Every structure is written in structure tokens, then in C-alpha cells.
């Protein structure tokens, strides 16, 4: 297993990797809306979602992947009422045929985040 990391995304907040790769499959850990430069959590939902997608893009690119190689996305929302806004921003990064995806509402996310996203990509 190979660790994948990018300086363009925030460092892991605990004992995990930004992503790992094995046999041409990349698993990216959940990102929340933390800006890689300031280390601050964005306040607005759209700010968090845009930062998350930019951070995930940095991580997958560090492993030699791109959005077209993403096969599975997991989205964790603190409020399911944010689904429409999430989906609108998501569609700016991923295009048809879209990866498999689940979206679930959770009671709490790290640092009080409004959304968390993880993904799997294959070469």
C-alpha cells in the first residue's frame, strides 16, 4: 500500500492518510471544508463544499488520477436540506457517467463541518 498526499490539501487531522493506493485503486479519506493554506473551516455550506472538492482534486492528482477515474463517492451531510446545493457544486466537478454515490445525513461531523466527502478512484 502506498500513501498519497498533497500539500494543496490539509494534512490529516489524526492517524490516517489523505489517501492510499493499492493495485491502481485510490481511496481518499473524507475531506471537510478546511482550507489548506489557512487551516480554517469555511463557514458557509458552499464554501465548505468548494474547498472539499478542490482538496479532493489535489489529492487524486497527487496520485496520478483525475475526476474521470472516480468510481465511488460518499457524501455525509449534517443537514439533508443541503442536498440540492451539494449536488449543484458536485456536478461542476464530475460529469456523466457519474460515479456511484451515497448521500447520508449524519448527526455530527469533525470540527462542526456541514459536509464531508470521500471517494474511490481506479486507473
Protein backbone atom coordinates (compact mmCIF):
# COMPACT_ATOMS: atom_id res chain seq x y z
CA UNK A 1 0.00 0.00 0.00
CA UNK A 2 1.28 3.47 -0.92
CA UNK A 3 0.40 6.71 0.88
CA UNK A 4 -0.80 9.54 -1.36
CA UNK A 5 -0.66 13.11 -0.08
CA UNK A 6 -0.76 16.65 -1.37
CA UNK A 7 0.45 19.92 0.10
CA UNK A 8 -2.53 21.54 -1.68
CA UNK A 9 -4.90 19.79 0.74
CA UNK A 10 -4.92 19.96 4.55
CA UNK A 11 -2.81 17.43 6.38
CA UNK A 12 -4.64 14.57 8.09
CA UNK A 13 -6.15 15.57 11.46
CA UNK A 14 -5.42 12.19 13.01
CA UNK A 15 -3.84 8.81 12.45
CA UNK A 16 -4.87 8.34 8.81
CA UNK A 17 -3.63 9.25 5.32
CA UNK A 18 -5.15 11.76 2.91
CA UNK A 19 -5.35 8.79 0.55
CA UNK A 20 -3.82 5.39 -0.07
CA UNK A 21 -3.31 3.46 -3.28
CA UNK A 22 -3.04 -0.24 -3.92
CA UNK A 23 -3.19 -2.09 -7.24
CA UNK A 24 -4.26 1.03 -9.18
CA UNK A 25 -7.10 1.88 -6.81
CA UNK A 26 -7.04 5.08 -4.75
CA UNK A 27 -9.11 5.54 -1.59
CA UNK A 28 -9.30 9.18 -0.49
CA UNK A 29 -10.22 9.85 3.12
CA UNK A 30 -13.11 12.12 3.96
CA UNK A 31 -12.37 15.78 3.50
CA UNK A 32 -14.22 18.52 5.33
CA UNK A 33 -14.13 22.16 4.26
CA UNK A 34 -10.75 23.08 5.75
CA UNK A 35 -8.71 25.49 3.67
CA UNK A 36 -5.24 24.02 3.06
CA UNK A 37 -3.49 27.40 3.47
CA UNK A 38 -5.26 28.91 6.48
CA UNK A 39 -6.23 25.66 8.21
CA UNK A 40 -9.64 27.20 8.88
CA UNK A 41 -13.01 25.57 8.33
CA UNK A 42 -15.04 27.59 5.82
CA UNK A 43 -18.22 28.99 7.37
CA UNK A 44 -20.78 28.65 4.56
CA UNK A 45 -22.01 25.38 3.11
CA UNK A 46 -20.98 26.31 -0.44
CA UNK A 47 -17.58 27.46 0.84
CA UNK A 48 -17.07 24.10 2.54
CA UNK A 49 -18.21 22.12 -0.49
CA UNK A 50 -15.97 24.02 -2.90
CA UNK A 51 -12.94 23.64 -0.62
CA UNK A 52 -13.67 19.92 -0.22
CA UNK A 53 -13.81 19.36 -3.95
CA UNK A 54 -10.61 21.36 -4.52
CA UNK A 55 -8.86 19.41 -1.74
CA UNK A 56 -10.01 16.08 -3.15
CA UNK A 57 -8.85 17.15 -6.61
CA UNK A 58 -5.40 17.94 -5.18
CA UNK A 59 -5.20 14.53 -3.50
CA UNK A 60 -6.32 12.49 -6.51
CA UNK A 61 -3.98 14.44 -8.80
CA UNK A 62 -1.10 13.74 -6.40
CA UNK A 63 -1.74 10.05 -7.05
CA UNK A 64 -1.91 10.47 -10.83
CA UNK A 65 -5.71 10.28 -11.01
CA UNK A 66 -8.38 12.69 -12.25
CA UNK A 67 -12.14 13.14 -11.82
CA UNK A 68 -12.88 10.81 -14.75
CA UNK A 69 -11.30 7.94 -12.79
CA UNK A 70 -13.56 8.38 -9.74
CA UNK A 71 -15.86 5.37 -9.38
CA UNK A 72 -17.46 5.92 -5.93
CA UNK A 73 -18.24 8.96 -3.80
CA UNK A 74 -19.58 9.07 -0.25
CA UNK A 75 -21.20 12.29 0.97
CA UNK A 76 -22.03 12.97 4.62
CA UNK A 77 -24.37 15.89 5.28
CA UNK A 78 -25.11 17.43 8.67
CA UNK A 79 -28.44 18.57 7.17
CA UNK A 80 -30.15 16.80 4.26
CA UNK A 81 -31.71 20.14 3.31
CA UNK A 82 -28.29 21.00 1.82
CA UNK A 83 -28.60 18.18 -0.74
CA UNK A 84 -29.56 20.43 -3.67
CA UNK A 85 -26.70 22.85 -3.12
CA UNK A 86 -24.26 19.95 -2.68
CA UNK A 87 -25.47 18.31 -5.87
CA UNK A 88 -25.13 21.54 -7.87
CA UNK A 89 -21.50 22.06 -6.82
CA UNK A 90 -20.73 18.34 -7.21
CA UNK A 91 -21.90 18.43 -10.83
CA UNK A 92 -19.27 21.09 -11.64
CA UNK A 93 -16.52 18.56 -10.90
CA UNK A 94 -17.99 15.23 -12.03
CA UNK A 95 -19.73 14.50 -15.29
CA UNK A 96 -21.84 11.70 -16.73
CA UNK A 97 -21.49 8.86 -16.46
CA UNK A 98 -21.38 9.81 -12.79
CA UNK A 99 -19.68 7.64 -10.18
CA UNK A 100 -21.75 5.55 -7.81
CA UNK A 101 -22.64 7.67 -4.79
CA UNK A 102 -24.41 7.64 -1.49
CA UNK A 103 -25.52 10.70 0.43
CA UNK A 104 -26.42 10.29 4.08
CA UNK A 105 -27.33 12.66 6.86
CA UNK A 106 -25.21 12.26 9.98
CA UNK A 107 -25.64 13.73 13.44
CA UNK A 108 -22.21 15.32 13.64
CA UNK A 109 -19.02 15.82 11.60
CA UNK A 110 -15.50 16.73 12.77
CA UNK A 111 -15.00 20.38 13.76
CA UNK A 112 -18.69 21.09 13.27
CA UNK A 113 -18.44 20.74 9.49
CA UNK A 114 -21.63 20.85 7.42
CA UNK A 115 -20.41 18.25 4.90
CA UNK A 116 -17.76 15.58 4.42
CA UNK A 117 -16.84 13.77 1.19
CA UNK A 118 -14.66 10.72 0.47
CA UNK A 119 -14.05 8.89 -2.78
CA UNK A 120 -12.53 5.94 -4.58
CA UNK A 121 -10.80 6.16 -7.99
CA UNK A 122 -9.37 3.50 -10.31
CA UNK A 123 -6.77 3.57 -13.07
